[in-house]
Each structure stands twice: as structure tokens, then as C-alpha cells.
Protein backbone atom coordinates (compact mmCIF):
# COMPACT_ATOMS: atom_id res chain seq x y z
CA MET A 1 109.91 193.39 133.89
CA THR A 2 110.75 190.02 132.33
CA SER A 3 107.85 188.33 132.82
CA GLU A 4 106.03 191.36 131.66
CA LEU A 5 107.59 191.74 128.34
CA ILE A 6 106.92 188.20 128.13
CA LYS A 7 103.20 188.03 128.84
CA ASP A 8 102.67 191.42 126.95
CA MET A 9 104.45 190.10 123.75
CA GLY A 10 105.21 186.28 123.36
CA LEU A 11 102.52 184.90 121.30
CA ILE A 12 103.98 187.24 118.84
CA PHE A 13 107.64 186.14 118.80
CA LEU A 14 106.12 182.22 119.43
CA THR A 15 104.05 182.19 115.98
CA GLU A 16 106.75 184.25 113.86
CA CYS A 17 109.40 182.73 111.75
CA PRO A 18 112.12 184.77 110.35
CA ALA A 19 111.12 184.17 106.47
CA THR A 20 107.23 184.32 106.41
CA PRO A 21 105.19 187.66 106.07
CA LEU A 22 102.53 185.92 107.66
CA THR A 23 102.64 187.75 111.02
CA HIS A 24 102.63 191.46 109.78
CA ILE A 25 100.22 190.73 107.08
CA LEU A 26 97.99 189.29 110.07
CA ALA A 27 98.38 192.61 111.97
CA LEU A 28 97.53 194.92 109.38
CA ASN A 29 94.24 192.93 108.30
CA THR A 30 92.96 191.61 111.44
CA GLY A 31 91.75 192.42 114.77
CA ASP A 32 93.53 189.10 117.21
CA TYR A 33 96.13 188.17 115.55
CA THR A 34 96.02 184.37 117.81
CA GLU A 35 92.61 183.98 116.68
CA SER A 36 93.04 184.63 112.77
CA LEU A 37 96.41 182.65 112.46
CA VAL A 38 94.77 179.57 114.33
CA LYS A 39 91.50 180.05 111.78
CA SER A 40 93.94 179.84 108.92
CA LEU A 41 95.57 176.31 110.13
CA GLY A 42 95.06 173.11 110.37
CA SER A 43 93.48 172.60 106.88
CA GLY A 44 96.39 170.79 105.45
CA ASN A 45 96.84 173.17 102.43
CA PRO A 46 99.14 175.96 101.80
CA VAL A 47 98.17 178.78 103.94
CA ASP A 48 100.16 181.48 102.52
CA ALA A 49 102.88 181.99 99.45
CA THR A 50 105.52 183.86 98.62
CA LEU A 51 106.55 184.67 94.81
CA TYR A 52 110.03 186.23 94.11
CA LEU A 53 108.56 187.85 91.05
CA THR A 54 111.90 188.88 90.06
CA ARG A 55 115.50 188.76 91.36
CA ALA A 56 116.56 192.03 89.64
CA CYS A 57 117.18 195.02 92.37
CA ASN A 58 118.24 198.66 91.86
CA LEU A 59 119.76 198.21 95.28
CA ARG A 60 122.55 196.39 96.67
CA CYS A 61 121.43 196.10 100.42
CA ALA A 62 124.05 194.68 102.93
CA THR A 63 121.04 192.69 104.75
CA CYS A 64 119.57 190.95 101.76
CA TYR A 65 119.38 187.24 101.98
CA VAL A 66 118.92 186.33 98.36
CA SER A 67 122.00 188.78 97.18
CA ALA A 68 118.98 190.16 94.91
CA SER A 69 120.97 192.03 91.92
CA LYS A 70 120.35 190.92 88.68
CA PRO A 71 117.35 188.86 87.10
CA LEU A 72 117.75 185.11 87.10
CA PRO A 73 117.96 183.38 83.63
CA ASN A 74 114.52 182.28 82.42
CA GLU A 75 112.20 184.08 84.54
CA LEU A 76 108.68 183.69 85.14
CA ASN A 77 106.47 186.26 82.58
CA ALA A 78 103.32 187.45 84.04
CA GLY A 79 101.03 185.35 81.88
CA GLU A 80 103.20 182.14 83.92
CA TRP A 81 102.70 184.30 87.26
CA ILE A 82 99.46 184.93 86.65
CA ARG A 83 98.70 180.71 86.13
CA VAL A 84 100.20 180.13 89.16
CA VAL A 85 98.09 182.40 91.21
CA ASP A 86 95.10 180.56 89.79
CA GLU A 87 96.81 177.18 91.11
CA LEU A 88 97.61 178.91 94.47
CA GLY A 89 93.68 179.91 94.34
CA LYS A 90 92.55 176.31 94.05
CA LEU A 91 95.15 174.90 96.96
CA GLY A 92 93.43 177.46 99.47
CA VAL A 93 95.92 180.29 99.67
CA ARG A 94 94.88 183.07 101.45
CA TYR A 95 97.99 185.25 101.95
CA LEU A 96 100.36 186.38 99.06
CA TYR A 97 102.96 187.86 99.40
CA LEU A 98 105.15 189.30 96.50
CA LEU A 99 108.60 190.12 96.50
CA GLY A 100 111.95 190.10 94.99
CA GLY A 101 114.38 191.89 94.13
CA GLU A 102 112.68 194.76 93.66
CA PRO A 103 108.60 194.19 92.28
CA LEU A 104 108.49 197.71 90.97
CA LEU A 105 110.82 197.11 88.70
CA LEU A 106 108.08 194.93 86.91
CA LEU A 107 105.10 197.84 87.43
CA ASN A 108 104.50 198.15 83.91
CA ARG A 109 105.04 194.54 82.92
CA GLY A 110 102.51 192.47 84.85
CA LEU A 111 102.95 193.32 88.10
CA LEU A 112 99.57 194.95 88.93
CA ASP A 113 97.81 192.26 86.78
CA ILE A 114 99.13 189.89 89.33
CA VAL A 115 98.12 191.41 92.05
CA LYS A 116 94.45 191.80 90.35
CA ARG A 117 94.38 187.95 90.00
CA GLY A 118 95.41 187.20 93.72
CA LYS A 119 92.41 189.45 94.59
CA GLU A 120 90.07 187.57 91.71
CA ASN A 121 91.19 184.32 93.81
CA GLY A 122 90.11 185.73 97.28
CA MET A 123 93.49 186.52 98.08
CA ILE A 124 94.93 189.36 100.70
CA VAL A 125 97.37 190.48 98.87
CA SER A 126 100.93 192.12 100.15
CA LEU A 127 103.77 193.69 98.40
CA SER A 128 107.68 194.37 99.68
CA THR A 129 109.38 197.02 98.18
CA ASN A 130 112.57 199.30 99.03
CA GLY A 131 110.06 202.29 97.85
CA THR A 132 113.23 203.93 95.30
CA LEU A 133 110.58 203.35 92.59
CA VAL A 134 107.54 204.50 94.07
CA SER A 135 106.27 207.35 92.46
CA GLU A 136 102.64 209.29 92.74
CA GLU A 137 101.60 207.33 89.40
CA ALA A 138 103.10 204.07 91.01
CA ALA A 139 100.96 204.69 93.64
CA VAL A 140 97.67 205.54 91.94
CA LYS A 141 98.28 202.48 89.97
CA LEU A 142 99.14 200.08 92.77
CA ARG A 143 96.23 201.48 94.91
CA ASP A 144 93.75 200.65 91.85
CA SER A 145 95.48 197.40 91.31
CA GLY A 146 93.51 196.22 94.71
CA VAL A 147 96.72 195.47 96.58
CA ASP A 148 95.56 195.28 100.25
CA GLN A 149 99.27 196.57 101.86
CA VAL A 150 102.82 197.72 100.94
CA GLN A 151 105.81 196.80 103.12
CA VAL A 152 108.09 199.52 102.40
CA SER A 153 111.87 198.54 103.69
CA LEU A 154 113.86 200.67 105.97
CA ASP A 155 116.67 200.11 107.94
CA GLY A 156 116.97 203.21 110.22
CA PRO A 157 115.69 206.27 111.52
CA ASN A 158 117.68 208.55 109.11
CA PRO A 159 119.72 208.84 106.15
CA VAL A 160 122.75 208.34 108.04
CA ILE A 161 121.88 205.03 109.66
CA ASN A 162 119.60 203.53 106.89
CA ASP A 163 121.88 204.76 103.38
CA ALA A 164 124.95 202.94 105.34
CA ILE A 165 122.90 199.44 104.72
CA ARG A 166 120.55 200.34 101.77
CA GLY A 167 122.35 202.73 99.99
CA HIS A 168 122.69 206.38 99.11
CA GLY A 169 119.92 208.39 99.03
CA SER A 170 117.51 205.27 99.67
CA PHE A 171 115.89 207.02 102.86
CA SER A 172 114.78 209.99 101.22
CA LYS A 173 113.50 207.85 98.51
CA ALA A 174 111.54 205.49 100.49
CA ILE A 175 109.97 208.22 102.56
CA ASN A 176 108.68 210.19 99.72
CA ALA A 177 107.22 206.50 98.72
CA ILE A 178 105.36 205.80 101.85
CA LYS A 179 103.80 209.68 101.76
CA TYR A 180 102.71 209.09 97.89
CA LEU A 181 101.33 205.58 98.94
CA LYS A 182 99.58 207.10 102.10
CA ASP A 183 98.07 209.86 100.11
CA ALA A 184 96.94 207.37 97.02
CA GLY A 185 95.05 205.30 99.88
CA VAL A 186 97.20 202.55 100.23
CA THR A 187 97.79 200.86 103.45
CA VAL A 188 101.51 201.13 104.55
CA SER A 189 103.50 198.83 107.04
CA LEU A 190 107.46 199.34 107.44
CA SER A 191 110.10 196.45 107.96
CA TYR A 192 113.42 197.12 109.89
CA THR A 193 116.39 194.71 109.96
CA VAL A 194 118.01 194.65 112.81
CA THR A 195 122.10 194.44 112.52
CA ILE A 196 125.01 195.29 115.13
CA SER A 197 125.10 198.44 113.26
CA ASN A 198 121.44 199.70 113.78
CA ALA A 199 120.29 197.63 116.61
CA ASP A 200 120.79 201.25 118.79
CA TYR A 201 117.94 203.13 116.78
CA VAL A 202 114.99 201.09 117.20
CA LYS A 203 113.50 202.97 119.27
CA ASP A 204 113.63 206.26 117.21
CA PHE A 205 112.33 203.94 114.71
CA VAL A 206 108.64 203.36 115.78
CA LYS A 207 108.64 207.20 117.01
CA LEU A 208 109.60 207.91 112.75
CA ALA A 209 106.68 205.08 112.06
CA SER A 210 104.73 206.82 114.35
CA ASP A 211 104.85 210.74 112.98
CA LEU A 212 104.30 208.71 109.57
CA LYS A 213 100.95 207.14 110.93
CA ILE A 214 101.74 203.59 110.33
CA PRO A 215 100.26 201.50 111.88
CA VAL A 216 102.63 197.92 112.20
CA VAL A 217 106.50 198.14 112.08
CA THR A 218 108.04 194.57 111.64
CA PHE A 219 111.83 193.99 113.43
CA ILE A 220 113.59 191.60 111.57
CA ARG A 221 116.61 190.04 113.25
CA VAL A 222 119.14 189.78 110.38
CA GLN A 223 119.41 186.47 109.28
CA GLU A 224 123.07 185.65 107.59
CA PHE A 225 122.35 184.22 104.50
CA GLY A 226 123.45 185.76 101.11
CA ARG A 227 124.39 189.09 100.83
CA ALA A 228 124.25 189.07 104.73
CA SER A 229 126.36 185.81 105.24
CA GLY A 230 130.06 186.74 106.90
CA GLY A 231 129.39 190.57 106.93
CA GLY A 232 129.69 190.72 110.87
CA LEU A 233 126.36 192.28 110.66
CA GLY A 234 124.54 189.48 113.27
CA ILE A 235 123.53 190.36 116.79
CA SER A 236 123.63 188.28 119.89
CA ASN A 237 120.68 186.72 121.88
CA GLU A 238 122.07 189.55 124.70
CA LEU A 239 121.88 192.50 121.91
CA ALA A 240 118.60 190.87 121.04
CA HIS A 241 117.25 191.21 124.68
CA GLU A 242 118.04 194.70 124.57
CA VAL A 243 116.13 195.49 121.52
CA LEU A 244 113.21 193.98 123.31
CA ILE A 245 113.65 195.31 126.66
CA LYS A 246 113.99 198.79 124.52
CA LEU A 247 110.76 198.35 122.25
CA SER A 248 108.73 197.41 125.69
CA GLU A 249 109.63 200.66 127.22
CA LEU A 250 107.89 202.76 124.30
CA SER A 251 105.02 204.76 125.36
CA ASP A 252 102.52 206.76 123.69
CA VAL A 253 102.88 205.37 120.00
CA ASN A 254 100.02 203.84 118.36
CA VAL A 255 102.15 201.30 116.01
CA LYS A 256 101.69 197.81 116.54
CA VAL A 257 104.95 195.78 116.81
CA VAL A 258 105.79 192.39 115.06
CA TYR A 259 109.12 190.63 115.93
CA SER A 260 110.64 188.55 113.37
CA GLY A 261 113.56 185.98 114.23
CA PHE A 262 113.93 187.34 117.86
CA ARG A 263 112.69 183.99 119.26
CA PHE A 264 115.90 182.70 121.07
CA GLY A 265 115.95 186.39 122.42
CA LEU A 266 112.54 185.47 124.25
CA LEU A 267 113.69 181.70 125.30
CA ASN A 268 116.42 183.55 127.10
CA LEU A 269 114.63 185.49 128.70
CA MET A 270 112.21 182.76 129.52
CA SER A 271 115.06 180.68 131.02
CA LYS A 272 115.76 183.52 133.31
CA ALA A 273 112.21 183.55 134.69
CA TYR A 274 111.09 180.26 134.18
CA ARG A 275 108.98 180.01 137.30
CA GLU A 276 107.15 182.82 136.47
CA THR A 277 106.31 181.53 132.99
CA GLU A 278 105.47 178.10 133.42
CA GLY A 279 102.08 178.58 133.27
CA LEU A 280 102.20 180.86 129.65
CA LEU A 281 104.61 177.80 128.46
CA ASN A 282 101.67 175.01 129.85
CA GLY A 283 98.87 177.89 127.93
CA LEU A 284 100.22 178.61 124.37
CA LYS A 285 97.58 178.48 121.84
CA VAL A 286 99.18 178.58 118.44
CA VAL A 287 102.55 176.03 119.67
CA ASN A 288 101.82 174.05 115.89
CA TYR A 289 102.74 176.77 114.23
CA GLY A 290 105.84 176.34 115.83
CA THR A 291 109.28 177.97 114.41
CA CYS A 292 109.10 176.48 110.70
CA PRO A 293 106.06 176.33 108.51
CA ALA A 294 108.27 175.78 105.52
CA GLY A 295 106.23 172.96 103.56
CA ARG A 296 103.51 172.44 106.42
CA SER A 297 101.60 175.81 106.21
CA ARG A 298 103.38 178.11 103.17
CA LEU A 299 105.59 177.50 100.30
CA VAL A 300 108.02 179.78 98.30
CA ILE A 301 108.35 179.81 94.15
CA ASP A 302 111.38 181.61 93.27
CA SER A 303 111.37 183.95 89.94
CA ASN A 304 112.42 181.16 87.63
CA GLY A 305 109.60 179.12 88.77
CA ASP A 306 111.47 176.40 91.04
CA ILE A 307 109.12 175.48 94.48
CA TYR A 308 110.66 175.62 97.54
CA GLY A 309 109.90 175.09 101.35
CA CYS A 310 111.31 178.47 102.58
CA GLU A 311 113.37 181.23 100.83
CA LEU A 312 116.67 180.67 103.12
CA LEU A 313 117.00 177.01 101.94
CA MET A 314 116.30 177.91 98.11
CA ARG A 315 119.30 175.29 97.35
CA PRO A 316 119.05 172.26 95.11
CA GLU A 317 118.38 169.83 97.14
CA PHE A 318 115.54 171.53 98.69
CA ARG A 319 113.85 172.10 95.08
CA GLU A 320 110.60 170.03 95.27
CA GLY A 321 109.68 171.34 91.50
CA ASN A 322 109.34 173.77 89.05
CA VAL A 323 106.01 175.53 87.79
CA ARG A 324 106.45 175.17 84.24
CA ARG A 325 106.38 171.51 84.47
CA ASP A 326 105.02 170.44 87.79
CA GLU A 327 101.60 170.81 88.79
CA LEU A 328 101.37 173.08 92.35
CA SER A 329 98.89 170.57 93.66
CA LYS A 330 100.72 167.31 93.27
CA VAL A 331 103.72 169.13 94.43
CA TRP A 332 102.02 169.89 97.77
CA VAL A 333 100.83 166.74 98.74
CA SER A 334 103.70 164.82 97.63
CA GLY A 335 106.79 166.98 98.14
CA PHE A 336 108.41 168.69 101.20
CA LYS A 337 109.24 165.66 102.89
CA ALA A 338 112.55 166.88 104.60
CA PHE A 339 110.33 169.63 106.54
CA ARG A 340 107.37 167.41 107.26
CA ASN A 341 109.88 164.36 108.32
CA ARG A 342 112.40 166.64 110.55
CA VAL A 343 113.62 164.90 113.75
CA PRO A 344 114.48 167.45 116.26
CA SER A 345 117.65 167.06 118.11
CA PRO A 346 117.85 164.47 121.40
CA LEU A 347 119.03 167.82 123.03
CA CYS A 348 116.05 169.45 121.98
CA LEU A 349 113.28 166.88 122.73
CA THR A 350 114.70 167.14 126.37
CA CYS A 351 114.52 171.10 126.55
CA PRO A 352 111.61 172.54 128.41
CA PHE A 353 110.88 175.43 125.63
CA PHE A 354 110.61 172.69 122.73
CA LYS A 355 107.09 173.13 122.71
CA ILE A 356 107.89 177.14 121.61
CA CYS A 357 110.52 176.50 119.31
CA ARG A 358 110.10 172.99 117.82
CA GLY A 359 113.93 172.84 117.35
CA GLY A 360 114.34 176.32 116.09
CA CYS A 361 114.77 177.26 112.22
CA PRO A 362 116.24 174.55 109.97
CA ALA A 363 117.81 176.97 107.36
CA ARG A 364 119.88 177.75 110.31
CA VAL A 365 120.83 174.38 111.29
CA TYR A 366 121.48 173.15 107.77
CA ALA A 367 124.05 176.37 107.23
CA LYS A 368 125.76 175.34 109.83
CA TYR A 369 125.62 171.16 109.97
CA GLY A 370 124.90 170.45 106.48
CA SER A 371 121.68 168.65 108.06
CA LEU A 372 118.19 169.68 109.39
CA ASN A 373 118.43 168.09 112.79
CA GLY A 374 120.88 169.68 115.12
CA PRO A 375 119.69 172.08 117.60
CA ASP A 376 119.72 175.91 115.96
CA PRO A 377 122.74 177.97 116.27
CA GLN A 378 121.06 180.82 118.11
CA CYS A 379 119.80 178.72 120.89
CA THR A 380 122.71 179.03 123.64
CA LEU A 381 120.62 176.90 125.82
CA MET A 382 121.23 173.95 124.03
CA ASN A 383 124.85 175.11 122.46
CA SER A 384 125.69 175.89 125.97
């Protein structure tokens, strides 16, 4: 059972960072995930960029890693964002991800123009929303903007589970949003942040997605940053194992499942079946993507224009510049040294699974050690 689970789903685990949206975008827009990913990488230019259009949000979700609530001082206006998108296009960015905060707060303040400019630059444009502000009219406007897909966030298969995390009434509004978007002809995917309180309901959620005829669901292991830090929402690797097994047991559902941040759940499974999986380890094709694409194949721009490699490390010491004063092309060439020059822990270098995880998530490492160079706190192999 263990080895079959790994063989069936391993490459999706192994190529996914807990922050980047690239996997679910590719899962929706290509027939072959790994082939498309390989083709997208290797140019030396950023492949995907995430724009936090605003930090303002009408919800206060317990799982929000950026603690979205009020807008930051001096957020970029629509014209500035359009200039940024043009610069990203010149850099060769192929995948553009728009989120916040809640991007739909900007529906009539430039959001649609930003989407259109991304399409004019030949990008695949994806947008993430909590769904509560999507009306029938808004859905039609999004369709007409040319957006390639909209990801709606839900954290439970019913109002009781979801609303305890995301707020009263959010489930029913999100379900309505899904119907409006689908009726308008917009491609919709779903995301589900897995916490201690909703891990038992992942199968029910996939069944809900299947009933709604949603093609892709992304399960995100909660990252304990922002509002999600210190709240007791995190899940153990053992519970992560259980989630993976539960999802592997699903049948008769026409839904692609993407796993985000479950890498160490997989590694622990692998460690129990090493002989069976050694061939898989030696045959992996997407090892260069590793764990962390920050500053290597992706970048993040905050709502005030600050440039980062990763949204989980939007801290002054990792700020690479600001789009109002710095050219993105120059920042890309000369910046992101903390990520590009990262030295793995000596412990990690001795691990047979190093070629998969490359030392794990630097954001989690930094949160624990104040340095990027320790073993990932989620890795029980190195922390036992």
C-alpha cells in the first residue's frame, strides 16, 4: 500500500512548495504535470510570480499566513501593478498568481485591467478568492477579463467545519460563488488548508468537489505563520500520513488532487519502504525544482511593492527591493542570494532523501533557528 501510494502520487508531492501556486495552475492547464514543469524551468528567468494586490480582507481566517485584515500603507495602484506586470512579462514570467487579502475588493479598482494585462503579456493568470464577494455580475466580469482560472478557498465540506475556521456564512457564499463562476464559464479550482480541526474531512471535501464538477482540489498542509502561528492548528507527520492514505482510497471521483506542503509526510512513508522506493528515488525527473523555488524560479511582490522570494519570509531581512524604485530585471539578476547560496545542514547532506527535499522549507527553518541552514522542523528523520 505504501509503495503504491508513493508511485501513484510521489511526483506531485516532490515538486510542490507549500507557498507556490504553480502546481494547481499546471494541473488545470496542461495534460502532463511533470512534462510541463520541466519545460517551464531551466531558463534562469522567473517562471511564476505571485502578486499580493492588497492586504485588505473581509474575512479573518484562522489559517491566513499573512494575517490579512487592513491594507498596507501606500499600496500600489492599478497603474503601478500594470507596469509591474509588463516588467514581469519582459522577464519571461509565464504564470501570474493574484491574491491578497481578498483581490475581489479591487474588482472595480483595477483588478480586471491587471488580469487583462497579464493575458496581453502571454501569461496564464490565476486568481485566489474567498468567494464571498463573487456575484453573478462579478463572475461575468472575471470571465470577460480573460482570467484562466479562479481558485476558491474553503476549509471544510460543510458550514460547520468551514465556518469555524473562515467565519460565519463564508461556506454558503463560497458555494454560491463557485456556481456563479461556473455558470459564467470560468474554470474553478478549490483549495483546502488542512488543520487539526478539519483533517478528518478531506475525503468528504473531494466528494463535494466532485459533486460541484470541480477539476482540481489543492490540499495545503497548514503553514504556521501569520494568524496560523501559535494557534494549535498544525498537524503532525503522523496525521499527514493519515490524510494521504485517506485520499488514496478515493474512487469514482473525477477530481485531480494536488498536495501542498505534505512532503515530509511522504518522506516518512518512504523511510518505511525504502527498498521498494529506491528505484523511484533514483529515477526522479523533477529534482531541480526541489523544495524551494524562492528566488530561483519565482518571486513575490507585496501590496506596497516590496519584492521577496517567498511570502512566508516577507520580512525586512529578505526584502530584495521595491518596484517603485528598483528594476525587476536587475533585482532578479543580483538579488535573492540568501536563497540561491543556501547551504544545507550537514545532517541533510547525509540523508538518502536529500535529492528530494534539498533541506526542506527555508521559511520553517528560519522561524525555528533564525537561519536558513538548519534541517526542516517538519523532518522527523533529521530531528529525531
